[in-house]
Amino acid sequence: MRRNVFQAISDPTRREIISLVSKQPLNLNAVAENFSVSRPAISKHIKILAQCGLLTVKQQGRERFCKANLQPLSEVADWIEQYRKFWTDKLDALNDFLKSDQSTNNTSLK
């Protein structure tokens, strides 16, 4: 099953895993040590992150290492950008309106 990046980042534990692994590749035990949940729960989170392409898991000897792939987050950034632009434009228009309304009120008081 192919998951999407939005599903992956919807969970705070997965966001923290991404943050940890983005600094350096870590083995599964090193990742799990940072959380108070069970190792199987962390493995499930890692599996979801790998399914959406945010992590790759490679076998190195007897250990499995997780490495971050942050490229899929560009999809999230693109989605957010449209709303950032929308709200920036709306707030700029409100600011312009308030300034013009204030100057209109100031001139009518004279």
N, C-alpha and C. Protein backbone atom coordinates (compact mmCIF):
# COMPACT_ATOMS: atom_id res chain seq x y z
N MET A 1 0.84 -1.18 0.00
CA MET A 1 0.00 0.00 0.00
C MET A 1 0.88 1.24 0.00
N ARG A 2 0.66 2.12 -0.93
CA ARG A 2 1.42 3.37 -1.02
C ARG A 2 0.73 4.43 -0.18
N ARG A 3 1.42 4.94 0.78
CA ARG A 3 0.89 6.00 1.64
C ARG A 3 1.38 7.34 1.11
N ASN A 4 0.69 8.39 1.52
CA ASN A 4 1.18 9.70 1.08
C ASN A 4 1.85 10.41 2.24
N VAL A 5 2.59 11.44 1.89
CA VAL A 5 3.40 12.16 2.86
C VAL A 5 2.54 12.85 3.92
N PHE A 6 1.32 13.23 3.57
CA PHE A 6 0.43 13.88 4.53
C PHE A 6 0.05 12.92 5.66
N GLN A 7 -0.17 11.65 5.31
CA GLN A 7 -0.45 10.64 6.34
C GLN A 7 0.76 10.49 7.26
N ALA A 8 1.92 10.53 6.69
CA ALA A 8 3.14 10.32 7.48
C ALA A 8 3.35 11.43 8.49
N ILE A 9 3.17 12.66 8.06
CA ILE A 9 3.48 13.77 8.97
C ILE A 9 2.31 14.12 9.89
N SER A 10 1.21 13.42 9.75
CA SER A 10 0.06 13.69 10.62
C SER A 10 0.29 13.22 12.05
N ASP A 11 1.26 12.38 12.26
CA ASP A 11 1.52 11.82 13.59
C ASP A 11 2.77 12.46 14.20
N PRO A 12 2.67 12.96 15.44
CA PRO A 12 3.83 13.62 16.06
C PRO A 12 5.04 12.70 16.26
N THR A 13 4.81 11.43 16.50
CA THR A 13 5.93 10.50 16.66
C THR A 13 6.67 10.37 15.35
N ARG A 14 5.94 10.27 14.25
CA ARG A 14 6.60 10.16 12.95
C ARG A 14 7.35 11.44 12.60
N ARG A 15 6.78 12.58 12.95
CA ARG A 15 7.49 13.85 12.70
C ARG A 15 8.79 13.88 13.49
N GLU A 16 8.77 13.39 14.71
CA GLU A 16 9.99 13.36 15.53
C GLU A 16 11.00 12.37 14.96
N ILE A 17 10.54 11.24 14.46
CA ILE A 17 11.45 10.27 13.82
C ILE A 17 12.13 10.92 12.62
N ILE A 18 11.35 11.62 11.79
CA ILE A 18 11.93 12.31 10.64
C ILE A 18 13.00 13.30 11.10
N SER A 19 12.69 14.04 12.14
CA SER A 19 13.65 15.02 12.66
C SER A 19 14.93 14.35 13.12
N LEU A 20 14.81 13.25 13.85
CA LEU A 20 15.99 12.54 14.33
C LEU A 20 16.85 12.01 13.19
N VAL A 21 16.20 11.35 12.25
CA VAL A 21 16.92 10.68 11.17
C VAL A 21 17.43 11.67 10.14
N SER A 22 16.84 12.85 10.08
CA SER A 22 17.32 13.85 9.12
C SER A 22 18.71 14.37 9.50
N LYS A 23 19.05 14.28 10.76
CA LYS A 23 20.36 14.74 11.23
C LYS A 23 21.46 13.75 10.87
N GLN A 24 21.14 12.46 10.96
CA GLN A 24 22.09 11.40 10.63
C GLN A 24 21.34 10.08 10.55
N PRO A 25 21.81 9.16 9.70
CA PRO A 25 21.17 7.84 9.67
C PRO A 25 21.31 7.16 11.03
N LEU A 26 20.26 6.49 11.46
CA LEU A 26 20.25 5.80 12.74
C LEU A 26 19.75 4.38 12.56
N ASN A 27 20.25 3.46 13.40
CA ASN A 27 19.68 2.12 13.35
C ASN A 27 18.36 2.12 14.12
N LEU A 28 17.58 1.08 13.94
CA LEU A 28 16.25 1.03 14.53
C LEU A 28 16.29 1.14 16.05
N ASN A 29 17.27 0.53 16.68
CA ASN A 29 17.37 0.61 18.14
C ASN A 29 17.64 2.05 18.59
N ALA A 30 18.51 2.75 17.88
CA ALA A 30 18.82 4.13 18.24
C ALA A 30 17.59 5.02 18.10
N VAL A 31 16.79 4.77 17.09
CA VAL A 31 15.55 5.53 16.92
C VAL A 31 14.61 5.22 18.08
N ALA A 32 14.42 3.94 18.37
CA ALA A 32 13.48 3.51 19.41
C ALA A 32 13.87 4.04 20.79
N GLU A 33 15.15 4.21 21.05
CA GLU A 33 15.61 4.70 22.36
C GLU A 33 15.11 6.11 22.67
N ASN A 34 14.71 6.83 21.66
CA ASN A 34 14.26 8.21 21.85
C ASN A 34 12.78 8.32 22.21
N PHE A 35 12.10 7.19 22.31
CA PHE A 35 10.66 7.21 22.54
C PHE A 35 10.28 6.27 23.67
N SER A 36 9.16 6.60 24.30
CA SER A 36 8.69 5.76 25.41
C SER A 36 7.67 4.71 24.94
N VAL A 37 7.51 4.56 23.64
CA VAL A 37 6.60 3.55 23.11
C VAL A 37 7.40 2.29 22.77
N SER A 38 6.71 1.22 22.49
CA SER A 38 7.37 -0.06 22.24
C SER A 38 8.16 -0.05 20.92
N ARG A 39 9.11 -0.94 20.85
CA ARG A 39 9.89 -1.09 19.63
C ARG A 39 9.00 -1.47 18.44
N PRO A 40 8.02 -2.40 18.61
CA PRO A 40 7.12 -2.69 17.49
C PRO A 40 6.33 -1.45 17.01
N ALA A 41 5.97 -0.58 17.94
CA ALA A 41 5.26 0.64 17.56
C ALA A 41 6.16 1.54 16.71
N ILE A 42 7.42 1.66 17.11
CA ILE A 42 8.38 2.46 16.33
C ILE A 42 8.60 1.83 14.97
N SER A 43 8.68 0.51 14.93
CA SER A 43 8.84 -0.19 13.64
C SER A 43 7.67 0.09 12.72
N LYS A 44 6.47 0.15 13.27
CA LYS A 44 5.29 0.46 12.47
C LYS A 44 5.37 1.89 11.91
N HIS A 45 5.79 2.83 12.76
CA HIS A 45 5.95 4.21 12.29
C HIS A 45 7.00 4.29 11.18
N ILE A 46 8.10 3.58 11.37
CA ILE A 46 9.16 3.58 10.36
C ILE A 46 8.67 2.98 9.06
N LYS A 47 7.87 1.94 9.15
CA LYS A 47 7.32 1.31 7.96
C LYS A 47 6.44 2.30 7.19
N ILE A 48 5.62 3.05 7.89
CA ILE A 48 4.76 4.05 7.26
C ILE A 48 5.61 5.13 6.59
N LEU A 49 6.64 5.59 7.29
CA LEU A 49 7.52 6.61 6.72
C LEU A 49 8.23 6.09 5.48
N ALA A 50 8.62 4.83 5.50
CA ALA A 50 9.28 4.24 4.33
C ALA A 50 8.30 4.08 3.18
N GLN A 51 7.06 3.72 3.47
CA GLN A 51 6.05 3.54 2.42
C GLN A 51 5.76 4.84 1.68
N CYS A 52 5.86 5.95 2.36
CA CYS A 52 5.60 7.22 1.68
C CYS A 52 6.88 7.85 1.14
N GLY A 53 8.00 7.20 1.34
CA GLY A 53 9.26 7.65 0.75
C GLY A 53 10.06 8.64 1.59
N LEU A 54 9.64 8.88 2.83
CA LEU A 54 10.39 9.82 3.68
C LEU A 54 11.61 9.18 4.33
N LEU A 55 11.63 7.86 4.40
CA LEU A 55 12.77 7.13 4.96
C LEU A 55 13.13 5.98 4.02
N THR A 56 14.39 5.66 4.02
CA THR A 56 14.82 4.40 3.42
C THR A 56 15.45 3.59 4.54
N VAL A 57 15.22 2.30 4.50
CA VAL A 57 15.78 1.40 5.51
C VAL A 57 16.70 0.43 4.78
N LYS A 58 17.96 0.43 5.18
CA LYS A 58 18.96 -0.42 4.54
C LYS A 58 19.58 -1.35 5.57
N GLN A 59 19.74 -2.59 5.17
CA GLN A 59 20.40 -3.58 6.01
C GLN A 59 21.90 -3.38 5.89
N GLN A 60 22.57 -3.25 7.03
CA GLN A 60 24.03 -3.16 7.07
C GLN A 60 24.50 -4.16 8.12
N GLY A 61 24.96 -5.27 7.65
CA GLY A 61 25.34 -6.34 8.58
C GLY A 61 24.09 -6.86 9.28
N ARG A 62 24.11 -6.87 10.59
CA ARG A 62 22.96 -7.36 11.35
C ARG A 62 21.97 -6.25 11.69
N GLU A 63 22.32 -5.04 11.34
CA GLU A 63 21.46 -3.91 11.72
C GLU A 63 20.77 -3.29 10.52
N ARG A 64 19.64 -2.65 10.81
CA ARG A 64 18.89 -1.93 9.78
C ARG A 64 18.97 -0.44 10.11
N PHE A 65 19.43 0.34 9.13
CA PHE A 65 19.60 1.77 9.33
C PHE A 65 18.55 2.55 8.55
N CYS A 66 18.07 3.61 9.19
CA CYS A 66 17.09 4.50 8.59
C CYS A 66 17.80 5.76 8.13
N LYS A 67 17.48 6.16 6.92
CA LYS A 67 18.05 7.39 6.36
C LYS A 67 16.89 8.23 5.84
N ALA A 68 16.94 9.52 6.11
CA ALA A 68 15.86 10.42 5.70
C ALA A 68 15.97 10.75 4.21
N ASN A 69 14.81 10.89 3.59
CA ASN A 69 14.68 11.40 2.24
C ASN A 69 13.62 12.50 2.32
N LEU A 70 14.04 13.73 2.42
CA LEU A 70 13.11 14.82 2.68
C LEU A 70 12.46 15.38 1.41
N GLN A 71 12.84 14.87 0.25
CA GLN A 71 12.27 15.36 -1.01
C GLN A 71 10.73 15.29 -1.04
N PRO A 72 10.10 14.21 -0.54
CA PRO A 72 8.63 14.18 -0.56
C PRO A 72 7.97 15.31 0.22
N LEU A 73 8.71 15.94 1.14
CA LEU A 73 8.13 17.06 1.89
C LEU A 73 7.90 18.27 1.00
N SER A 74 8.51 18.29 -0.18
CA SER A 74 8.26 19.40 -1.11
C SER A 74 6.80 19.43 -1.53
N GLU A 75 6.16 18.27 -1.57
CA GLU A 75 4.72 18.20 -1.87
C GLU A 75 3.92 18.95 -0.80
N VAL A 76 4.31 18.79 0.44
CA VAL A 76 3.65 19.49 1.55
C VAL A 76 3.93 20.99 1.45
N ALA A 77 5.18 21.34 1.17
CA ALA A 77 5.55 22.76 1.06
C ALA A 77 4.77 23.43 -0.06
N ASP A 78 4.61 22.75 -1.19
CA ASP A 78 3.84 23.30 -2.30
C ASP A 78 2.38 23.51 -1.91
N TRP A 79 1.82 22.57 -1.20
CA TRP A 79 0.42 22.66 -0.78
C TRP A 79 0.24 23.82 0.21
N ILE A 80 1.18 23.94 1.14
CA ILE A 80 1.11 25.01 2.13
C ILE A 80 1.30 26.37 1.47
N GLU A 81 2.17 26.44 0.48
CA GLU A 81 2.49 27.71 -0.17
C GLU A 81 1.25 28.38 -0.76
N GLN A 82 0.34 27.60 -1.32
CA GLN A 82 -0.86 28.22 -1.91
C GLN A 82 -1.70 28.90 -0.83
N TYR A 83 -1.74 28.32 0.35
CA TYR A 83 -2.51 28.93 1.43
C TYR A 83 -1.75 30.09 2.07
N ARG A 84 -0.44 29.98 2.13
CA ARG A 84 0.35 31.10 2.64
C ARG A 84 0.15 32.32 1.76
N LYS A 85 0.21 32.12 0.45
CA LYS A 85 0.01 33.23 -0.48
C LYS A 85 -1.41 33.79 -0.36
N PHE A 86 -2.40 32.92 -0.27
CA PHE A 86 -3.79 33.35 -0.14
C PHE A 86 -3.95 34.25 1.09
N TRP A 87 -3.47 33.75 2.26
CA TRP A 87 -3.65 34.52 3.49
C TRP A 87 -2.78 35.77 3.53
N THR A 88 -1.61 35.73 2.95
CA THR A 88 -0.78 36.92 2.88
C THR A 88 -1.48 38.00 2.06
N ASP A 89 -2.05 37.60 0.91
CA ASP A 89 -2.78 38.55 0.08
C ASP A 89 -3.98 39.12 0.81
N LYS A 90 -4.73 38.28 1.51
CA LYS A 90 -5.91 38.74 2.25
C LYS A 90 -5.52 39.70 3.37
N LEU A 91 -4.48 39.35 4.11
CA LEU A 91 -4.05 40.21 5.21
C LEU A 91 -3.46 41.53 4.71
N ASP A 92 -2.76 41.49 3.58
CA ASP A 92 -2.25 42.73 2.98
C ASP A 92 -3.42 43.62 2.54
N ALA A 93 -4.45 43.03 1.96
CA ALA A 93 -5.63 43.79 1.53
C ALA A 93 -6.34 44.39 2.74
N LEU A 94 -6.45 43.62 3.82
CA LEU A 94 -7.06 44.15 5.04
C LEU A 94 -6.25 45.31 5.60
N ASN A 95 -4.94 45.17 5.61
CA ASN A 95 -4.06 46.23 6.08
C ASN A 95 -4.25 47.50 5.25
N ASP A 96 -4.29 47.33 3.92
CA ASP A 96 -4.50 48.48 3.03
C ASP A 96 -5.85 49.13 3.31
N PHE A 97 -6.87 48.32 3.49
CA PHE A 97 -8.21 48.85 3.78
C PHE A 97 -8.22 49.64 5.09
N LEU A 98 -7.62 49.06 6.12
CA LEU A 98 -7.60 49.74 7.41
C LEU A 98 -6.82 51.05 7.35
N LYS A 99 -5.72 51.06 6.62
CA LYS A 99 -4.95 52.30 6.47
C LYS A 99 -5.77 53.36 5.72
N SER A 100 -6.44 52.94 4.64
CA SER A 100 -7.23 53.90 3.87
C SER A 100 -8.44 54.37 4.66
N ASP A 101 -9.05 53.49 5.43
CA ASP A 101 -10.20 53.86 6.25
C ASP A 101 -9.77 54.82 7.35
N GLN A 102 -8.61 54.57 7.92
CA GLN A 102 -8.09 55.44 8.98
C GLN A 102 -7.77 56.82 8.43
N SER A 103 -7.16 56.87 7.25
CA SER A 103 -6.83 58.18 6.67
C SER A 103 -8.10 58.92 6.26
N THR A 104 -9.13 58.19 5.82
CA THR A 104 -10.40 58.81 5.48
C THR A 104 -11.05 59.40 6.73
N ASN A 105 -11.02 58.66 7.82
CA ASN A 105 -11.59 59.14 9.07
C ASN A 105 -10.82 60.35 9.61
N ASN A 106 -9.50 60.34 9.45
CA ASN A 106 -8.69 61.45 9.94
C ASN A 106 -8.95 62.71 9.14
N THR A 107 -9.15 62.61 7.82
CA THR A 107 -9.40 63.80 7.01
C THR A 107 -10.82 64.33 7.23
N SER A 108 -11.77 63.46 7.54
CA SER A 108 -13.13 63.91 7.76
C SER A 108 -13.29 64.58 9.12
N LEU A 109 -12.35 64.34 10.03
CA LEU A 109 -12.41 64.95 11.37
C LEU A 109 -11.88 66.38 11.34
N LYS A 110 -11.16 66.76 10.30
CA LYS A 110 -10.55 68.11 10.24
C LYS A 110 -11.52 69.17 9.85
